[in-house]
Structures are given as C-alpha cells and as structure tokens.
C-alpha atoms as a PDB file:
ATOM      1  CA  MET A   1       0.031   0.030   0.006  1.00  0.00           C
ATOM      2  CA  ALA A   2       1.304   3.441  -0.883  1.00  0.00           C
ATOM      3  CA  ARG A   3       2.291   5.603   2.073  1.00  0.00           C
ATOM      4  CA  ASP A   4       1.800   9.307   2.293  1.00  0.00           C
ATOM      5  CA  TRP A   5       4.842  11.461   1.968  1.00  0.00           C
ATOM      6  CA  LYS A   6       6.330  12.442   5.326  1.00  0.00           C
ATOM      7  CA  ARG A   7       8.289  15.520   6.017  1.00  0.00           C
ATOM      8  CA  GLU A   8      10.580  14.391   8.770  1.00  0.00           C
ATOM      9  CA  VAL A   9      13.238  17.104   9.008  1.00  0.00           C
ATOM     10  CA  MET A  10      11.581  20.517   8.751  1.00  0.00           C
ATOM     11  CA  ASP A  11       8.100  21.868   8.071  1.00  0.00           C
ATOM     12  CA  ALA A  12       8.273  23.651   4.683  1.00  0.00           C
ATOM     13  CA  ARG A  13       6.485  26.712   6.069  1.00  0.00           C
ATOM     14  CA  ARG A  14       9.322  27.432   8.452  1.00  0.00           C
ATOM     15  CA  THR A  15      12.849  28.746   7.960  1.00  0.00           C
ATOM     16  CA  PRO A  16      15.253  26.126   9.196  1.00  0.00           C
ATOM     17  CA  PHE A  17      18.076  28.641   9.886  1.00  0.00           C
ATOM     18  CA  PRO A  18      16.581  32.043  10.922  1.00  0.00           C
ATOM     19  CA  GLU A  19      20.020  33.665  10.799  1.00  0.00           C
ATOM     20  CA  TYR A  20      20.381  32.539   7.158  1.00  0.00           C
ATOM     21  CA  PRO A  21      16.934  33.207   5.657  1.00  0.00           C
ATOM     22  CA  ARG A  22      17.936  32.401   2.045  1.00  0.00           C
ATOM     23  CA  ILE A  23      17.164  28.798   2.867  1.00  0.00           C
ATOM     24  CA  ILE A  24      13.409  28.591   2.884  1.00  0.00           C
ATOM     25  CA  ALA A  25      12.958  24.915   3.707  1.00  0.00           C
ATOM     26  CA  LEU A  26      14.797  21.792   4.498  1.00  0.00           C
ATOM     27  CA  ILE A  27      12.619  18.703   3.830  1.00  0.00           C
ATOM     28  CA  GLU A  28      13.176  14.957   4.013  1.00  0.00           C
ATOM     29  CA  THR A  29      10.542  12.912   2.167  1.00  0.00           C
ATOM     30  CA  VAL A  30       9.918   9.171   2.605  1.00  0.00           C
ATOM     31  CA  ALA A  31       7.484   7.228   0.492  1.00  0.00           C
ATOM     32  CA  GLU A  32       6.669   3.698  -0.707  1.00  0.00           C
ATOM     33  CA  GLY A  33       4.822   2.401  -3.763  1.00  0.00           C
ATOM     34  CA  ALA A  34       3.584   4.192  -6.828  1.00  0.00           C
ATOM     35  CA  THR A  35       3.478   7.938  -6.271  1.00  0.00           C
ATOM     36  CA  GLY A  36       4.625  11.124  -7.785  1.00  0.00           C
ATOM     37  CA  SER A  37       3.926  14.846  -8.145  1.00  0.00           C
ATOM     38  CA  GLU A  38       2.155  17.021 -10.655  1.00  0.00           C
ATOM     39  CA  HIS A  39       3.964  19.451 -12.970  1.00  0.00           C
ATOM     40  CA  HIS A  40       4.799  22.498 -10.906  1.00  0.00           C
ATOM     41  CA  SER A  41       7.375  25.233 -10.436  1.00  0.00           C
ATOM     42  CA  HIS A  42       8.637  27.488  -7.628  1.00  0.00           C
ATOM     43  CA  PRO A  43       9.723  31.146  -7.398  1.00  0.00           C
ATOM     44  CA  TRP A  44      12.791  29.883  -5.583  1.00  0.00           C
ATOM     45  CA  ALA A  45      15.590  27.465  -6.490  1.00  0.00           C
ATOM     46  CA  GLU A  46      15.392  23.827  -5.387  1.00  0.00           C
ATOM     47  CA  MET A  47      17.883  21.028  -4.880  1.00  0.00           C
ATOM     48  CA  ASN A  48      16.553  17.442  -4.718  1.00  0.00           C
ATOM     49  CA  ILE A  49      18.866  14.680  -3.518  1.00  0.00           C
ATOM     50  CA  LEU A  50      17.941  10.958  -3.740  1.00  0.00           C
ATOM     51  CA  LEU A  51      19.180   9.427  -0.499  1.00  0.00           C
ATOM     52  CA  GLU A  52      17.762   5.977  -0.920  1.00  0.00           C
ATOM     53  CA  GLY A  53      15.898   4.078  -3.573  1.00  0.00           C
ATOM     54  CA  ARG A  54      15.240   4.850  -7.262  1.00  0.00           C
ATOM     55  CA  GLY A  55      12.715   6.630  -9.419  1.00  0.00           C
ATOM     56  CA  VAL A  56      12.262   9.098 -12.283  1.00  0.00           C
ATOM     57  CA  TRP A  57      12.740  12.867 -12.085  1.00  0.00           C
ATOM     58  CA  CYS A  58      11.281  14.965 -14.872  1.00  0.00           C
ATOM     59  CA  ALA A  59      12.316  18.514 -15.764  1.00  0.00           C
ATOM     60  CA  GLY A  60      11.032  20.380 -18.841  1.00  0.00           C
ATOM     61  CA  ASP A  61      10.598  17.708 -21.569  1.00  0.00           C
ATOM     62  CA  ASP A  62      13.250  15.421 -20.168  1.00  0.00           C
ATOM     63  CA  GLU A  63      12.970  12.310 -17.914  1.00  0.00           C
ATOM     64  CA  PHE A  64      15.854  10.974 -15.939  1.00  0.00           C
ATOM     65  CA  GLU A  65      16.157   7.639 -14.036  1.00  0.00           C
ATOM     66  CA  VAL A  66      17.800   8.397 -10.761  1.00  0.00           C
ATOM     67  CA  LYS A  67      19.438   6.319  -8.011  1.00  0.00           C
ATOM     68  CA  GLN A  68      20.993   6.992  -4.686  1.00  0.00           C
ATOM     69  CA  GLY A  69      23.538   9.844  -4.816  1.00  0.00           C
ATOM     70  CA  ASP A  70      21.872  11.629  -7.746  1.00  0.00           C
ATOM     71  CA  ALA A  71      20.812  15.232  -7.258  1.00  0.00           C
ATOM     72  CA  PHE A  72      18.988  17.849  -9.326  1.00  0.00           C
ATOM     73  CA  LEU A  73      19.326  21.604  -9.131  1.00  0.00           C
ATOM     74  CA  LEU A  74      16.236  23.475 -10.444  1.00  0.00           C
ATOM     75  CA  LEU A  75      16.414  27.205 -11.009  1.00  0.00           C
ATOM     76  CA  PRO A  76      13.328  29.372 -10.254  1.00  0.00           C
ATOM     77  CA  GLY A  77      10.399  28.884 -12.586  1.00  0.00           C
ATOM     78  CA  THR A  78      11.514  25.480 -13.893  1.00  0.00           C
ATOM     79  CA  LEU A  79       8.614  22.965 -14.538  1.00  0.00           C
ATOM     80  CA  HIS A  80       9.277  19.596 -12.923  1.00  0.00           C
ATOM     81  CA  HIS A  81       7.640  16.551 -11.444  1.00  0.00           C
ATOM     82  CA  THR A  82       8.584  13.099 -10.117  1.00  0.00           C
ATOM     83  CA  LYS A  83       7.540   9.472 -10.776  1.00  0.00           C
ATOM     84  CA  TRP A  84       8.021   6.568  -8.373  1.00  0.00           C
ATOM     85  CA  PRO A  85       7.117   3.168  -9.702  1.00  0.00           C
ATOM     86  CA  GLU A  86       5.101   0.495  -7.912  1.00  0.00           C
ATOM     87  CA  GLY A  87       7.152  -1.717  -5.637  1.00  0.00           C
ATOM     88  CA  THR A  88       9.838   0.818  -4.924  1.00  0.00           C
ATOM     89  CA  GLY A  89      10.569   3.004  -1.911  1.00  0.00           C
ATOM     90  CA  PHE A  90      12.624   6.128  -1.610  1.00  0.00           C
ATOM     91  CA  ARG A  91      13.989   8.804   0.656  1.00  0.00           C
ATOM     92  CA  ALA A  92      14.849  12.144  -0.667  1.00  0.00           C
ATOM     93  CA  GLY A  93      16.148  15.432   0.694  1.00  0.00           C
ATOM     94  CA  THR A  94      14.975  18.777  -0.581  1.00  0.00           C
ATOM     95  CA  ILE A  95      16.501  22.272  -0.047  1.00  0.00           C
ATOM     96  CA  ASP A  96      14.447  25.262  -1.156  1.00  0.00           C
ATOM     97  CA  PHE A  97      16.437  28.459  -1.253  1.00  0.00           C
ATOM     98  CA  GLU A  98      16.483  31.948  -2.745  1.00  0.00           C
ATOM     99  CA  ILE A  99      18.994  32.502  -5.443  1.00  0.00           C
ATOM    100  CA  GLY A 100      20.699  35.774  -6.222  1.00  0.00           C
ATOM    101  CA  PRO A 101      23.951  37.728  -6.146  1.00  0.00           C
ATOM    102  CA  THR A 102      25.711  38.571  -2.951  1.00  0.00           C
ATOM    103  CA  PRO A 103      24.529  41.950  -1.546  1.00  0.00           C
ATOM    104  CA  GLU A 104      26.979  44.776  -1.271  1.00  0.00           C
ATOM    105  CA  VAL A 105      29.045  44.768   1.959  1.00  0.00           C
ATOM    106  CA  SER A 106      27.465  47.028   4.617  1.00  0.00           C
ATOM    107  CA  THR A 107      29.095  50.447   4.988  1.00  0.00           C
ATOM    108  CA  GLN A 108      28.206  50.577   8.688  1.00  0.00           C
ATOM    109  CA  SER A 109      31.073  50.929  11.038  1.00  0.00           C
ATOM    110  CA  SER A 110      31.991  48.056  13.226  1.00  0.00           C
ATOM    111  CA  GLU A 111      30.738  49.972  16.192  1.00  0.00           C
ATOM    112  CA  SER A 112      27.234  50.505  14.816  1.00  0.00           C
ATOM    113  CA  ARG A 113      26.820  47.141  13.028  1.00  0.00           C
ATOM    114  CA  ASP A 114      24.486  44.571  14.628  1.00  0.00           C
ATOM    115  CA  PRO A 115      26.874  42.108  16.420  1.00  0.00           C
ATOM    116  CA  ASN A 116      24.328  39.262  15.905  1.00  0.00           C
ATOM    117  CA  ALA A 117      24.098  39.761  12.139  1.00  0.00           C
ATOM    118  CA  PRO A 118      25.338  36.669  10.300  1.00  0.00           C
ATOM    119  CA  GLY A 119      27.533  38.702   7.952  1.00  0.00           C
ATOM    120  CA  VAL A 120      26.864  36.451   4.964  1.00  0.00           C
ATOM    121  CA  GLY A 121      25.023  37.095   1.739  1.00  0.00           C
ATOM    122  CA  GLY A 122      23.705  35.136  -1.187  1.00  0.00           C
ATOM    123  CA  MET A 123      25.349  33.316  -4.041  1.00  0.00           C
ATOM    124  CA  LYS A 124      28.718  34.638  -5.221  1.00  0.00           C
ATOM    125  CA  THR A 125      28.464  36.345  -8.620  1.00  0.00           C
ATOM    126  CA  TRP A 126      30.848  33.936 -10.380  1.00  0.00           C
ATOM    127  CA  LEU A 127      28.861  30.936  -9.108  1.00  0.00           C
ATOM    128  CA  LEU A 128      25.541  32.536 -10.178  1.00  0.00           C
ATOM    129  CA  GLU A 129      26.933  33.170 -13.703  1.00  0.00           C
ATOM    130  CA  ALA A 130      28.092  29.619 -13.976  1.00  0.00           C
ATOM    131  CA  LEU A 131      24.622  28.194 -13.169  1.00  0.00           C
ATOM    132  CA  ILE A 132      22.145  30.677 -14.624  1.00  0.00           C
ATOM    133  CA  ASP A 133      22.440  29.535 -18.294  1.00  0.00           C
ATOM    134  CA  ARG A 134      20.615  26.187 -17.659  1.00  0.00           C
ATOM    135  CA  PRO A 135      17.201  25.818 -15.873  1.00  0.00           C
ATOM    136  CA  TYR A 136      18.182  22.472 -14.391  1.00  0.00           C
ATOM    137  CA  ARG A 137      21.220  20.295 -13.857  1.00  0.00           C
ATOM    138  CA  ARG A 138      21.895  16.839 -12.675  1.00  0.00           C
ATOM    139  CA  VAL A 139      24.953  15.667 -10.676  1.00  0.00           C
ATOM    140  CA  SER A 140      25.952  12.260  -9.238  1.00  0.00           C
ATOM    141  CA  TRP A 141      28.088  12.227  -6.096  1.00  0.00           C
ATOM    142  CA  ASP A 142      28.499   9.277  -3.710  1.00  0.00           C
ATOM    143  CA  ALA A 143      28.915  11.605  -0.729  1.00  0.00           C
ATOM    144  CA  PHE A 144      25.535  13.340  -1.238  1.00  0.00           C
ATOM    145  CA  PRO A 145      23.687  11.366   1.491  1.00  0.00           C
ATOM    146  CA  GLU A 146      26.430  12.061   3.963  1.00  0.00           C
ATOM    147  CA  TRP A 147      26.566  15.731   2.981  1.00  0.00           C
ATOM    148  CA  TRP A 148      22.817  15.972   3.491  1.00  0.00           C
ATOM    149  CA  GLN A 149      23.075  14.464   6.975  1.00  0.00           C
ATOM    150  CA  ARG A 150      25.840  16.877   7.930  1.00  0.00           C
ATOM    151  CA  PHE A 151      23.776  19.770   6.583  1.00  0.00           C
ATOM    152  CA  CYS A 152      20.706  18.726   8.577  1.00  0.00           C
ATOM    153  CA  ASP A 153      22.776  18.212  11.716  1.00  0.00           C
ATOM    154  CA  GLU A 154      23.514  21.969  11.627  1.00  0.00           C
ATOM    155  CA  GLN A 155      19.949  22.415  13.012  1.00  0.00           C
ATOM    156  CA  GLU A 156      21.200  21.077  16.347  1.00  0.00           C
ATOM    157  CA  ALA A 157      24.205  23.438  16.471  1.00  0.00           C
ATOM    158  CA  PRO A 158      23.994  26.757  18.317  1.00  0.00           C
ATOM    159  CA  ALA A 159      22.274  29.431  16.193  1.00  0.00           C
ATOM    160  CA  GLY A 160      24.297  32.498  15.225  1.00  0.00           C
ATOM    161  CA  ARG A 161      26.524  33.994  12.535  1.00  0.00           C
ATOM    162  CA  PHE A 162      29.031  31.114  12.677  1.00  0.00           C
ATOM    163  CA  ARG A 163      26.327  28.573  11.934  1.00  0.00           C
ATOM    164  CA  ALA A 164      25.145  30.841   9.119  1.00  0.00           C
ATOM    165  CA  LEU A 165      28.644  30.819   7.695  1.00  0.00           C
ATOM    166  CA  ARG A 166      28.883  27.045   7.840  1.00  0.00           C
ATOM    167  CA  VAL A 167      25.436  26.669   6.191  1.00  0.00           C
ATOM    168  CA  GLU A 168      26.366  29.073   3.435  1.00  0.00           C
ATOM    169  CA  SER A 169      29.744  27.380   2.839  1.00  0.00           C
ATOM    170  CA  GLY A 170      28.110  23.953   2.730  1.00  0.00           C
ATOM    171  CA  LEU A 171      25.476  25.100   0.179  1.00  0.00           C
ATOM    172  CA  GLN A 172      28.035  26.766  -1.997  1.00  0.00           C
ATOM    173  CA  GLU A 173      30.269  23.754  -1.948  1.00  0.00           C
ATOM    174  CA  VAL A 174      27.518  21.682  -3.505  1.00  0.00           C
ATOM    175  CA  LEU A 175      26.381  24.444  -5.920  1.00  0.00           C
ATOM    176  CA  ALA A 176      29.990  24.669  -7.167  1.00  0.00           C
ATOM    177  CA  ARG A 177      29.741  21.006  -7.864  1.00  0.00           C
ATOM    178  CA  PHE A 178      26.729  21.637 -10.073  1.00  0.00           C
ATOM    179  CA  ALA A 179      28.677  24.364 -11.872  1.00  0.00           C
ATOM    180  CA  ASP A 180      31.674  22.061 -12.329  1.00  0.00           C
ATOM    181  CA  PRO A 181      30.780  18.340 -12.021  1.00  0.00           C
ATOM    182  CA  ASP A 182      34.458  17.370 -12.349  1.00  0.00           C
ATOM    183  CA  ILE A 183      35.415  19.208  -9.172  1.00  0.00           C
ATOM    184  CA  GLU A 184      37.590  17.092  -6.915  1.00  0.00           C
ATOM    185  CA  GLN A 185      35.519  15.314  -4.250  1.00  0.00           C
ATOM    186  CA  PRO A 186      36.498  16.259  -0.657  1.00  0.00           C
ATOM    187  CA  ASP A 187      37.372  13.418   1.664  1.00  0.00           C
ATOM    188  CA  TRP A 188      34.730  13.873   4.402  1.00  0.00           C
ATOM    189  CA  ARG A 189      36.047  10.850   6.357  1.00  0.00           C
ATOM    190  CA  MET A 190      39.486  12.389   6.702  1.00  0.00           C
ATOM    191  CA  ALA A 191      37.924  15.732   7.693  1.00  0.00           C
ATOM    192  CA  GLU A 192      35.869  14.005  10.430  1.00  0.00           C
ATOM    193  CA  ARG A 193      38.911  12.019  11.650  1.00  0.00           C
ATOM    194  CA  ARG A 194      40.886  15.287  11.949  1.00  0.00           C
ATOM    195  CA  GLY A 195      37.960  16.696  13.873  1.00  0.00           C
ATOM    196  CA  LEU A 196      38.052  13.724  16.253  1.00  0.00           C
ATOM    197  CA  ASP A 197      41.835  14.154  16.708  1.00  0.00           C
ATOM    198  CA  ARG A 198      41.320  17.815  17.596  1.00  0.00           C
ATOM    199  CA  ALA A 199      38.618  16.840  20.146  1.00  0.00           C
ATOM    200  CA  MET A 200      40.827  14.204  21.808  1.00  0.00           C
ATOM    201  CA  ARG A 201      43.755  16.588  22.081  1.00  0.00           C
ATOM    202  CA  TYR A 202      41.391  19.100  23.690  1.00  0.00           C
ATOM    203  CA  MET A 203      40.130  16.435  26.095  1.00  0.00           C
ATOM    204  CA  VAL A 204      43.681  15.735  27.264  1.00  0.00           C
ATOM    205  CA  ARG A 205      44.541  19.388  27.615  1.00  0.00           C
ATOM    206  CA  LYS A 206      41.441  20.133  29.709  1.00  0.00           C
ATOM    207  CA  MET A 207      41.586  16.900  31.780  1.00  0.00           C
ATOM    208  CA  ALA A 208      42.954  18.566  34.888  1.00  0.00           C
ATOM    209  CA  GLU A 209      39.961  20.948  34.957  1.00  0.00           C
ATOM    210  CA  GLY A 210      37.444  18.089  35.149  1.00  0.00           C
ATOM    211  CA  PRO A 211      35.405  16.038  32.739  1.00  0.00           C
ATOM    212  CA  VAL A 212      34.979  17.539  29.288  1.00  0.00           C
ATOM    213  CA  THR A 213      31.431  17.564  28.031  1.00  0.00           C
ATOM    214  CA  VAL A 214      30.404  15.952  24.704  1.00  0.00           C
ATOM    215  CA  ALA A 215      29.104  19.337  23.545  1.00  0.00           C
ATOM    216  CA  GLU A 216      32.527  20.875  24.165  1.00  0.00           C
ATOM    217  CA  MET A 217      34.299  18.160  22.173  1.00  0.00           C
ATOM    218  CA  ALA A 218      31.735  18.351  19.346  1.00  0.00           C
ATOM    219  CA  ARG A 219      32.324  22.084  19.055  1.00  0.00           C
ATOM    220  CA  VAL A 220      36.093  21.565  18.831  1.00  0.00           C
ATOM    221  CA  ALA A 221      35.575  18.770  16.245  1.00  0.00           C
ATOM    222  CA  GLY A 222      33.312  21.015  14.152  1.00  0.00           C
ATOM    223  CA  MET A 223      30.295  18.654  14.307  1.00  0.00           C
ATOM    224  CA  SER A 224      26.894  18.587  15.894  1.00  0.00           C
ATOM    225  CA  ARG A 225      26.615  16.805  19.234  1.00  0.00           C
ATOM    226  CA  SER A 226      24.782  13.821  17.800  1.00  0.00           C
ATOM    227  CA  LYS A 227      27.096  13.538  14.770  1.00  0.00           C
ATOM    228  CA  PHE A 228      30.169  13.757  16.927  1.00  0.00           C
ATOM    229  CA  ALA A 229      28.902  11.049  19.332  1.00  0.00           C
ATOM    230  CA  ASP A 230      28.077   8.746  16.391  1.00  0.00           C
ATOM    231  CA  GLN A 231      31.466   9.283  14.699  1.00  0.00           C
ATOM    232  CA  PHE A 232      33.305   8.901  17.984  1.00  0.00           C
ATOM    233  CA  ARG A 233      31.624   5.572  18.722  1.00  0.00           C
ATOM    234  CA  GLU A 234      32.150   4.343  15.095  1.00  0.00           C
ATOM    235  CA  VAL A 235      35.938   5.108  15.062  1.00  0.00           C
ATOM    236  CA  LEU A 236      36.832   4.277  18.696  1.00  0.00           C
ATOM    237  CA  GLY A 237      34.197   1.710  19.551  1.00  0.00           C
ATOM    238  CA  THR A 238      32.921   3.401  22.732  1.00  0.00           C
ATOM    239  CA  PRO A 239      30.998   6.583  23.674  1.00  0.00           C
ATOM    240  CA  PRO A 240      32.944   9.761  24.419  1.00  0.00           C
ATOM    241  CA  HIS A 241      32.249   9.777  28.220  1.00  0.00           C
ATOM    242  CA  ALA A 242      33.319   6.112  28.573  1.00  0.00           C
ATOM    243  CA  TYR A 243      36.443   6.762  26.569  1.00  0.00           C
ATOM    244  CA  ALA A 244      37.305   9.822  28.650  1.00  0.00           C
ATOM    245  CA  THR A 245      36.912   7.834  31.875  1.00  0.00           C
ATOM    246  CA  ALA A 246      38.987   5.028  30.510  1.00  0.00           C
ATOM    247  CA  LEU A 247      41.730   7.492  29.448  1.00  0.00           C
ATOM    248  CA  ARG A 248      41.831   9.088  32.832  1.00  0.00           C
ATOM    249  CA  ILE A 249      42.134   5.745  34.567  1.00  0.00           C
ATOM    250  CA  TRP A 250      44.920   4.649  32.157  1.00  0.00           C
ATOM    251  CA  MET A 251      46.796   7.807  32.962  1.00  0.00           C
ATOM    252  CA  ALA A 252      46.246   7.208  36.680  1.00  0.00           C
ATOM    253  CA  GLU A 253      47.586   3.664  36.288  1.00  0.00           C
ATOM    254  CA  ALA A 254      50.701   5.064  34.637  1.00  0.00           C
ATOM    255  CA  GLY A 255      51.142   7.565  37.431  1.00  0.00           C
ATOM    256  CA  LEU A 256      50.730   5.032  40.178  1.00  0.00           C
ATOM    257  CA  ALA A 257      53.020   2.492  38.569  1.00  0.00           C
ATOM    258  CA  GLY A 258      55.727   4.804  37.314  1.00  0.00           C
ATOM    259  CA  SER A 259      55.979   7.614  39.801  1.00  0.00           C
ATOM    260  CA  ASN A 260      56.007   8.255  43.554  1.00  0.00           C
ATOM    261  CA  ALA A 261      53.232  10.913  43.294  1.00  0.00           C
ATOM    262  CA  SER A 262      50.512  10.432  45.814  1.00  0.00           C
ATOM    263  CA  ALA A 263      47.111   9.103  44.847  1.00  0.00           C
ATOM    264  CA  VAL A 264      45.659  12.515  45.937  1.00  0.00           C
ATOM    265  CA  SER A 265      47.887  14.508  43.609  1.00  0.00           C
ATOM    266  CA  ILE A 266      47.261  12.115  40.716  1.00  0.00           C
ATOM    267  CA  SER A 267      43.466  12.370  41.233  1.00  0.00           C
ATOM    268  CA  GLU A 268      43.722  16.203  41.218  1.00  0.00           C
ATOM    269  CA  SER A 269      45.833  16.258  38.072  1.00  0.00           C
ATOM    270  CA  LEU A 270      43.239  14.198  36.243  1.00  0.00           C
ATOM    271  CA  GLY A 271      40.311  16.387  37.294  1.00  0.00           C
ATOM    272  CA  PHE A 272      38.525  13.992  39.693  1.00  0.00           C
ATOM    273  CA  SER A 273      36.190  15.812  42.064  1.00  0.00           C
ATOM    274  CA  SER A 274      37.761  14.197  45.164  1.00  0.00           C
ATOM    275  CA  PRO A 275      40.236  11.453  46.166  1.00  0.00           C
ATOM    276  CA  GLN A 276      37.298   9.307  47.338  1.00  0.00           C
ATOM    277  CA  HIS A 277      35.643   9.674  43.869  1.00  0.00           C
ATOM    278  CA  PHE A 278      38.960   8.780  42.266  1.00  0.00           C
ATOM    279  CA  SER A 279      39.277   5.670  44.372  1.00  0.00           C
ATOM    280  CA  ARG A 280      35.743   4.530  43.624  1.00  0.00           C
ATOM    281  CA  VAL A 281      36.088   4.953  39.904  1.00  0.00           C
ATOM    282  CA  PHE A 282      39.607   3.379  39.902  1.00  0.00           C
ATOM    283  CA  LYS A 283      38.456   0.310  41.767  1.00  0.00           C
ATOM    284  CA  ALA A 284      35.291  -0.094  39.672  1.00  0.00           C
ATOM    285  CA  THR A 285      37.437  -0.003  36.594  1.00  0.00           C
ATOM    286  CA  THR A 286      40.550  -2.102  37.685  1.00  0.00           C
ATOM    287  CA  GLY A 287      39.229  -4.116  40.553  1.00  0.00           C
ATOM    288  CA  LEU A 288      41.994  -2.616  42.850  1.00  0.00           C
ATOM    289  CA  THR A 289      42.318   0.436  44.956  1.00  0.00           C
ATOM    290  CA  PRO A 290      45.023   2.853  43.908  1.00  0.00           C
ATOM    291  CA  GLN A 291      47.271   1.649  46.776  1.00  0.00           C
ATOM    292  CA  GLU A 292      46.730  -2.076  45.809  1.00  0.00           C
ATOM    293  CA  TYR A 293      47.450  -1.241  42.189  1.00  0.00           C
ATOM    294  CA  ARG A 294      50.715   0.458  43.073  1.00  0.00           C
ATOM    295  CA  SER A 295      51.729  -2.401  45.379  1.00  0.00           C
ATOM    296  CA  ARG A 296      51.078  -4.990  42.670  1.00  0.00           C
ATOM    297  CA  TRP A 297      52.023  -3.277  39.453  1.00  0.00           C
ATOM    298  CA  GLY A 298      54.318  -0.431  40.468  1.00  0.00           C
ATOM    299  CA  ALA A 299      57.940  -0.404  39.304  1.00  0.00           C
ATOM    300  CA  PRO A 300      60.303  -1.878  41.819  1.00  0.00           C
ATOM    301  CA  TRP A 301      61.678   1.480  42.892  1.00  0.00           C
ATOM    302  CA  VAL A 302      58.162   2.802  43.285  1.00  0.00           C
ATOM    303  CA  ARG A 303      57.217  -0.110  45.484  1.00  0.00           C
ATOM    304  CA  HIS A 304      60.428   0.388  47.446  1.00  0.00           C
ATOM    305  CA  MET A 305      59.640   4.066  47.993  1.00  0.00           C
ATOM    306  CA  GLY A 306      56.154   3.165  49.135  1.00  0.00           C
ATOM    307  CA  ALA A 307      57.578   0.650  51.627  1.00  0.00           C
ATOM    308  CA  LYS A 308      60.083   3.198  52.929  1.00  0.00           C
ATOM    309  CA  ARG A 309      57.262   5.781  53.408  1.00  0.00           C
ATOM    310  CA  GLY A 310      55.225   3.213  55.254  1.00  0.00           C
ATOM    311  CA  ARG A 311      58.072   1.966  57.562  1.00  0.00           C
ATOM    312  CA  LYS A 312      58.126   3.164  61.184  1.00  0.00           C
ATOM    313  CA  PRO A 313      61.356   4.937  62.218  1.00  0.00           C
ATOM    314  CA  LYS A 314      63.666   2.856  64.445  1.00  0.00           C
ATOM    315  CA  GLU A 315      63.743   3.875  68.099  1.00  0.00           C
ATOM    316  CA  ALA A 316      66.964   5.464  69.176  1.00  0.00           C
ATOM    317  CA  ARG A 317      69.261   3.298  71.265  1.00  0.00           C
ATOM    318  CA  PRO A 318      69.725   4.326  74.864  1.00  0.00           C
END
C-alpha cells in the first residue's frame, strides 16, 4: 500500500536557519509504492537529493532515471515533477532556497553594526553566472547522502552567525559541484577524523579541569553533538564519556606504577572531584584500589619508595 509522503526534518512553512533566511525549507521525504507529483514550479531554487531508492525525475521535456547519490538543481520557474514506480521506496532530501547575487558589503562601522548579524550574503556572482544559463542540472556524487546528513545536523548546532557561515559554505560547496561536475571530491572521512583528533587533544589538555562535555568536544571537532557522538563511537568503539573515563584511569595507572606521586595529587591532576571519587572509579574499573594497584604493578623502585614511606622509624638506642 502506498504511504503518504512524510516531511521528517523541517516543516516547509518554516525557515530552518533564521540567521540565514535564504534557505526557505529543508525537507526529508519518505514514500513507498507508486506515487509522484504534478507538474509544478517555484519562485525559488530547489535542490533534490535521492538518499535511498530509485525513481524518475522529470524537468522540462526530459525524464531521468535516478538512483542513490543523484541530485537535481532546479532554478526558479523550472517546470518539474517526479515518478516513483510500484514496488519501490525512496527517501529524498529537498532544499528550497532563494538565489541571487551577494549583496553589497554594509558600509556601517564596526561599532554600529549589529553584532548578531550573520555577515553572509547570497550566491557569489561567479557561481551564479556559472549556473544561470541552464534551468536544471543533474549531478551524481557518492557523498551526497552524507553531505545531506551533515547539513541537517547543523539544526542542532547553536544558532548564530558562525552557523550561518557554515550553512552558506556547505550550500555553495554543492552548488559549485553543479557548476563544475568534475570538481575534486572532498574526503569527508578524513575531515571527520581530523575533527576527532582535535577533540581528543582538547580532552587531554582540559583533563585537569574536570570532565569535558560531549558538547565541548563536538564544538572543537566542528560537528553537531549527535554527529560527533556517532562518529566517535564508530571510530573508537565506545561513547565519548566512557572513553574519557578509561583514558583518565589509564593515565592514573601510569602515574601510580611509574611515579612516587601520591594518589591524591594524581586524582587532582586528572580532574577527579575528590580522592574518594577517584578511588571509587579506579576500583570499579581495575578491581583494585590505587594503593593495591601500586603495590602489585608499580615499578620496583616505586614499590620500594612506598615501603620506605610506610616503615616506622627505628627507636633511638639508649
């Protein structure tokens, strides 16, 4: 049985990024079975990305069979419709946005300019000129589904001019691909891994100040909180909080086994709220108290120092 279309990401009547109003709607559509749309056009530009499934997109007098990773860019006023055959299912992303040249830079002084203004405009003139000669274009790119998810994840990021800049740069990156389909494909995986590396270095630097939140690490990595947590688990096999705790305990083990620093000073250097909290977490992780761990696994000179500290002084001879 055919299922009605579902808009799962954003209601089309709302602006998904208020600080970047050129994007009118961000819509994810899911459907099964024979369905389609009537011939229609919009006063705005539209980008359609097939995320899963297959179907037929029609623009002007042309019909195109499309598969996952295919995308269409439709300029304002372009007649188009879709066909989805019986027995198929699909998931598609749609971005409706205004198209036009970048406005002139404001002549306001930095003192009088609104500090909350995003500071971004519309499409760069060179990009607009490269696209305006054809009413619709088709591009295939394996990374389109991942790009769409990254773009949607921005809705969870803090609003403001920096999000507006990221949204604009993401949109223009894809529009540039429509202008030049042979453009080199960026390696999103490497970019994400570099983001994870930055977050882990940040975690270590801030460890003495206490646990680092997932939101902090996601900001440093340049991802939304949910995207960061998913990528962290995928790459490292454990959630960020669990990894941070394991890392702190591993560093505590190294300190107990390889130095004569007290358990109190080690717990403080690793940001534990108290020595008692450190002992509880350490024992829950290793099965030993810090003192038991040092006695069993400490280097010989560390164990010797511990024994000397614990030895009672000899009584003076009469």
